[in-house]
Amino acid sequence: MIRVRAAREMPASAERTWALLTDWESHSRWIPATRVTVLAGDGGIGTRFVGRSALGPIGFDDPMTVTVLDPPTDGSAGRCEIVKTGRVVLGTAGFTVAPTGPGSCTATWWEDVEVAPGALTRWADPLAARVAAYGFARVLDAAAAELAADPRRP
């Protein structure tokens, strides 16, 4: 099992950050070599989407379904959870968005996943977790930069 956590201060309100992170297809702008496509749903609970990660013709699909979607309200943190149901990556993932001020918040991205086939890949879990944590931190940095560049701040 690969357990990954990455957190970043975001230069926008919890509500704006939440809106950006739950715009599933926007993840395509921050995750290298990945295109996210919504397959079904309106963005809320039950929405199904897939991240297609590829370098040239070699790649894999990472299908996901939103199972929890509680936006931040009245100064409380929001929480999103998804289940990953692919042939390569299985498990759960999500994020929280916690307000830290009127125009700032902390976004925390987490994943508890297994790369199939687990019996063959488990030996690489510690390295995969470190690489994934670094990558997720860069993804949050890219989302933060997009929020910072938006003239509608906070």
C-alpha atoms as a PDB file:
ATOM      1  CA  MET A   1       0.000   0.000   0.000  1.00  0.00           C
ATOM      2  CA  ILE A   2       1.311   3.414  -0.966  1.00  0.00           C
ATOM      3  CA  ARG A   3       0.304   6.167   1.466  1.00  0.00           C
ATOM      4  CA  VAL A   4       0.947   9.690   0.265  1.00  0.00           C
ATOM      5  CA  ARG A   5       0.228  13.098   1.805  1.00  0.00           C
ATOM      6  CA  ALA A   6       1.093  16.548   0.450  1.00  0.00           C
ATOM      7  CA  ALA A   7      -0.098  19.895   1.794  1.00  0.00           C
ATOM      8  CA  ARG A   8       0.296  23.473   0.586  1.00  0.00           C
ATOM      9  CA  GLU A   9      -0.863  26.907   1.650  1.00  0.00           C
ATOM     10  CA  MET A  10      -3.055  28.249  -1.129  1.00  0.00           C
ATOM     11  CA  PRO A  11      -3.261  31.979  -1.995  1.00  0.00           C
ATOM     12  CA  ALA A  12      -7.057  32.032  -2.264  1.00  0.00           C
ATOM     13  CA  SER A  13     -10.100  31.448  -0.138  1.00  0.00           C
ATOM     14  CA  ALA A  14     -11.149  27.921   0.724  1.00  0.00           C
ATOM     15  CA  GLU A  15     -14.203  28.349  -1.497  1.00  0.00           C
ATOM     16  CA  ARG A  16     -12.177  29.389  -4.579  1.00  0.00           C
ATOM     17  CA  THR A  17      -9.588  26.690  -3.974  1.00  0.00           C
ATOM     18  CA  TRP A  18     -12.332  24.089  -3.563  1.00  0.00           C
ATOM     19  CA  ALA A  19     -13.994  25.195  -6.809  1.00  0.00           C
ATOM     20  CA  LEU A  20     -10.715  24.819  -8.683  1.00  0.00           C
ATOM     21  CA  LEU A  21      -9.809  21.425  -7.193  1.00  0.00           C
ATOM     22  CA  THR A  22     -13.270  20.000  -7.876  1.00  0.00           C
ATOM     23  CA  ASP A  23     -13.131  21.142 -11.510  1.00  0.00           C
ATOM     24  CA  TRP A  24     -11.888  17.675 -12.420  1.00  0.00           C
ATOM     25  CA  GLU A  25     -10.703  18.447 -15.925  1.00  0.00           C
ATOM     26  CA  SER A  26      -8.546  21.335 -14.641  1.00  0.00           C
ATOM     27  CA  HIS A  27      -6.228  18.707 -13.125  1.00  0.00           C
ATOM     28  CA  SER A  28      -4.989  18.149 -16.689  1.00  0.00           C
ATOM     29  CA  ARG A  29      -3.195  21.511 -16.431  1.00  0.00           C
ATOM     30  CA  TRP A  30      -1.153  20.490 -13.377  1.00  0.00           C
ATOM     31  CA  ILE A  31      -0.492  16.740 -13.643  1.00  0.00           C
ATOM     32  CA  PRO A  32       2.277  16.089 -16.159  1.00  0.00           C
ATOM     33  CA  ALA A  33       1.503  13.763 -19.070  1.00  0.00           C
ATOM     34  CA  THR A  34      -2.085  13.306 -17.853  1.00  0.00           C
ATOM     35  CA  ARG A  35      -5.426  14.220 -19.409  1.00  0.00           C
ATOM     36  CA  VAL A  36      -8.468  14.141 -17.108  1.00  0.00           C
ATOM     37  CA  THR A  37     -11.879  13.563 -18.703  1.00  0.00           C
ATOM     38  CA  VAL A  38     -15.257  13.495 -16.947  1.00  0.00           C
ATOM     39  CA  LEU A  39     -17.170  10.399 -18.081  1.00  0.00           C
ATOM     40  CA  ALA A  40     -20.471  10.890 -16.231  1.00  0.00           C
ATOM     41  CA  GLY A  41     -21.999  13.139 -13.615  1.00  0.00           C
ATOM     42  CA  ASP A  42     -22.226  16.807 -12.758  1.00  0.00           C
ATOM     43  CA  GLY A  43     -19.014  17.014 -10.707  1.00  0.00           C
ATOM     44  CA  GLY A  44     -20.630  15.903  -7.459  1.00  0.00           C
ATOM     45  CA  ILE A  45     -20.997  12.577  -5.687  1.00  0.00           C
ATOM     46  CA  GLY A  46     -21.151   9.746  -8.198  1.00  0.00           C
ATOM     47  CA  THR A  47     -19.229  11.651 -10.855  1.00  0.00           C
ATOM     48  CA  ARG A  48     -16.929   9.322 -12.769  1.00  0.00           C
ATOM     49  CA  PHE A  49     -13.785  10.572 -14.425  1.00  0.00           C
ATOM     50  CA  VAL A  50     -10.565   9.117 -15.778  1.00  0.00           C
ATOM     51  CA  GLY A  51      -6.994  10.332 -15.762  1.00  0.00           C
ATOM     52  CA  ARG A  52      -5.127   9.049 -18.810  1.00  0.00           C
ATOM     53  CA  SER A  53      -1.383   9.152 -18.092  1.00  0.00           C
ATOM     54  CA  ALA A  54       0.841   8.462 -21.066  1.00  0.00           C
ATOM     55  CA  LEU A  55       4.185   9.106 -22.630  1.00  0.00           C
ATOM     56  CA  GLY A  56       3.616   8.627 -26.317  1.00  0.00           C
ATOM     57  CA  PRO A  57       1.728   5.392 -26.946  1.00  0.00           C
ATOM     58  CA  ILE A  58       2.561   3.909 -23.527  1.00  0.00           C
ATOM     59  CA  GLY A  59       0.142   4.759 -20.747  1.00  0.00           C
ATOM     60  CA  PHE A  60      -2.706   3.703 -18.514  1.00  0.00           C
ATOM     61  CA  ASP A  61      -6.152   4.854 -17.438  1.00  0.00           C
ATOM     62  CA  ASP A  62      -6.893   5.757 -13.817  1.00  0.00           C
ATOM     63  CA  PRO A  63     -10.721   5.670 -13.515  1.00  0.00           C
ATOM     64  CA  MET A  64     -12.197   7.275 -10.404  1.00  0.00           C
ATOM     65  CA  THR A  65     -15.570   7.927  -8.799  1.00  0.00           C
ATOM     66  CA  VAL A  66     -16.373  10.731  -6.354  1.00  0.00           C
ATOM     67  CA  THR A  67     -17.738   9.200  -3.130  1.00  0.00           C
ATOM     68  CA  VAL A  68     -17.602  12.136  -0.665  1.00  0.00           C
ATOM     69  CA  LEU A  69     -17.978  15.813  -1.515  1.00  0.00           C
ATOM     70  CA  ASP A  70     -18.411  18.144   1.449  1.00  0.00           C
ATOM     71  CA  PRO A  71     -17.367  21.678   0.483  1.00  0.00           C
ATOM     72  CA  PRO A  72     -15.893  24.084   3.025  1.00  0.00           C
ATOM     73  CA  THR A  73     -18.576  26.143   4.762  1.00  0.00           C
ATOM     74  CA  ASP A  74     -18.693  28.695   7.570  1.00  0.00           C
ATOM     75  CA  GLY A  75     -14.969  28.457   8.273  1.00  0.00           C
ATOM     76  CA  SER A  76     -14.897  24.655   8.384  1.00  0.00           C
ATOM     77  CA  ALA A  77     -12.768  22.422   6.155  1.00  0.00           C
ATOM     78  CA  GLY A  78     -14.124  20.705   3.076  1.00  0.00           C
ATOM     79  CA  ARG A  79     -13.391  17.077   2.224  1.00  0.00           C
ATOM     80  CA  CYS A  80     -13.468  15.162  -1.046  1.00  0.00           C
ATOM     81  CA  GLU A  81     -12.900  11.421  -1.417  1.00  0.00           C
ATOM     82  CA  ILE A  82     -12.692   9.317  -4.527  1.00  0.00           C
ATOM     83  CA  VAL A  83     -12.294   5.625  -5.161  1.00  0.00           C
ATOM     84  CA  LYS A  84      -9.844   4.469  -7.824  1.00  0.00           C
ATOM     85  CA  THR A  85     -11.121   1.460  -9.746  1.00  0.00           C
ATOM     86  CA  GLY A  86      -8.568   0.896 -12.476  1.00  0.00           C
ATOM     87  CA  ARG A  87      -6.548  -2.122 -13.468  1.00  0.00           C
ATOM     88  CA  VAL A  88      -3.290  -0.366 -12.511  1.00  0.00           C
ATOM     89  CA  VAL A  89      -4.096   1.915  -9.549  1.00  0.00           C
ATOM     90  CA  LEU A  90      -6.619   0.841  -6.902  1.00  0.00           C
ATOM     91  CA  GLY A  91      -7.588   2.448  -3.609  1.00  0.00           C
ATOM     92  CA  THR A  92      -8.796   5.780  -2.318  1.00  0.00           C
ATOM     93  CA  ALA A  93      -7.675   9.351  -2.717  1.00  0.00           C
ATOM     94  CA  GLY A  94      -8.919  12.797  -1.919  1.00  0.00           C
ATOM     95  CA  PHE A  95      -8.194  16.182  -0.503  1.00  0.00           C
ATOM     96  CA  THR A  96      -9.193  18.580   2.216  1.00  0.00           C
ATOM     97  CA  VAL A  97      -9.379  22.349   1.980  1.00  0.00           C
ATOM     98  CA  ALA A  98      -9.159  24.145   5.325  1.00  0.00           C
ATOM     99  CA  PRO A  99      -9.552  27.922   5.625  1.00  0.00           C
ATOM    100  CA  THR A 100      -6.636  29.734   7.281  1.00  0.00           C
ATOM    101  CA  GLY A 101      -7.785  33.310   6.626  1.00  0.00           C
ATOM    102  CA  PRO A 102     -10.115  35.345   4.419  1.00  0.00           C
ATOM    103  CA  GLY A 103      -7.959  34.848   1.333  1.00  0.00           C
ATOM    104  CA  SER A 104      -5.996  31.728   2.184  1.00  0.00           C
ATOM    105  CA  CYS A 105      -6.376  28.054   3.010  1.00  0.00           C
ATOM    106  CA  THR A 106      -4.432  24.827   3.262  1.00  0.00           C
ATOM    107  CA  ALA A 107      -5.038  22.118   0.683  1.00  0.00           C
ATOM    108  CA  THR A 108      -3.987  18.593   1.612  1.00  0.00           C
ATOM    109  CA  TRP A 109      -3.951  15.868  -1.035  1.00  0.00           C
ATOM    110  CA  TRP A 110      -3.790  12.232   0.073  1.00  0.00           C
ATOM    111  CA  GLU A 111      -3.811   8.833  -1.569  1.00  0.00           C
ATOM    112  CA  ASP A 112      -3.884   5.304  -0.165  1.00  0.00           C
ATOM    113  CA  VAL A 113      -3.387   3.147  -3.231  1.00  0.00           C
ATOM    114  CA  GLU A 114      -1.938  -0.066  -4.528  1.00  0.00           C
ATOM    115  CA  VAL A 115      -0.309  -0.462  -7.903  1.00  0.00           C
ATOM    116  CA  ALA A 116      -1.383  -3.721  -9.530  1.00  0.00           C
ATOM    117  CA  PRO A 117      -0.257  -6.376  -9.520  1.00  0.00           C
ATOM    118  CA  GLY A 118       0.586  -5.773  -5.869  1.00  0.00           C
ATOM    119  CA  ALA A 119       2.570  -8.972  -5.455  1.00  0.00           C
ATOM    120  CA  LEU A 120       5.015  -7.760  -8.104  1.00  0.00           C
ATOM    121  CA  THR A 121       5.148  -4.047  -7.269  1.00  0.00           C
ATOM    122  CA  ARG A 122       5.005  -3.961  -3.460  1.00  0.00           C
ATOM    123  CA  TRP A 123       8.822  -3.921  -3.183  1.00  0.00           C
ATOM    124  CA  ALA A 124       8.806  -0.482  -4.849  1.00  0.00           C
ATOM    125  CA  ASP A 125       6.126   1.054  -2.590  1.00  0.00           C
ATOM    126  CA  PRO A 126       8.533   3.133  -0.435  1.00  0.00           C
ATOM    127  CA  LEU A 127      10.164   4.710  -3.479  1.00  0.00           C
ATOM    128  CA  ALA A 128       6.804   5.174  -5.233  1.00  0.00           C
ATOM    129  CA  ALA A 129       5.413   6.924  -2.142  1.00  0.00           C
ATOM    130  CA  ARG A 130       8.334   9.383  -2.046  1.00  0.00           C
ATOM    131  CA  VAL A 131       8.079  10.125  -5.759  1.00  0.00           C
ATOM    132  CA  ALA A 132       4.294  10.519  -5.517  1.00  0.00           C
ATOM    133  CA  ALA A 133       4.541  12.871  -2.511  1.00  0.00           C
ATOM    134  CA  TYR A 134       6.978  15.053  -4.446  1.00  0.00           C
ATOM    135  CA  GLY A 135       4.722  14.971  -7.504  1.00  0.00           C
ATOM    136  CA  PHE A 136       1.555  15.799  -5.573  1.00  0.00           C
ATOM    137  CA  ALA A 137       3.328  18.720  -3.885  1.00  0.00           C
ATOM    138  CA  ARG A 138       4.261  20.041  -7.367  1.00  0.00           C
ATOM    139  CA  VAL A 139       0.646  19.604  -8.503  1.00  0.00           C
ATOM    140  CA  LEU A 140      -0.558  21.657  -5.526  1.00  0.00           C
ATOM    141  CA  ASP A 141       2.128  24.257  -6.303  1.00  0.00           C
ATOM    142  CA  ALA A 142       0.800  24.521  -9.870  1.00  0.00           C
ATOM    143  CA  ALA A 143      -2.781  24.904  -8.623  1.00  0.00           C
ATOM    144  CA  ALA A 144      -1.602  27.576  -6.155  1.00  0.00           C
ATOM    145  CA  ALA A 145       0.172  29.448  -8.952  1.00  0.00           C
ATOM    146  CA  GLU A 146      -3.004  29.369 -11.035  1.00  0.00           C
ATOM    147  CA  LEU A 147      -4.995  30.759  -8.109  1.00  0.00           C
ATOM    148  CA  ALA A 148      -2.379  33.453  -7.465  1.00  0.00           C
ATOM    149  CA  ALA A 149      -2.472  34.554 -11.112  1.00  0.00           C
ATOM    150  CA  ASP A 150      -6.268  34.864 -11.120  1.00  0.00           C
ATOM    151  CA  PRO A 151      -7.293  38.539 -10.944  1.00  0.00           C
ATOM    152  CA  ARG A 152     -10.459  37.573  -9.021  1.00  0.00           C
ATOM    153  CA  ARG A 153      -8.478  36.887  -5.814  1.00  0.00           C
ATOM    154  CA  PRO A 154      -9.209  36.198  -2.913  1.00  0.00           C
END
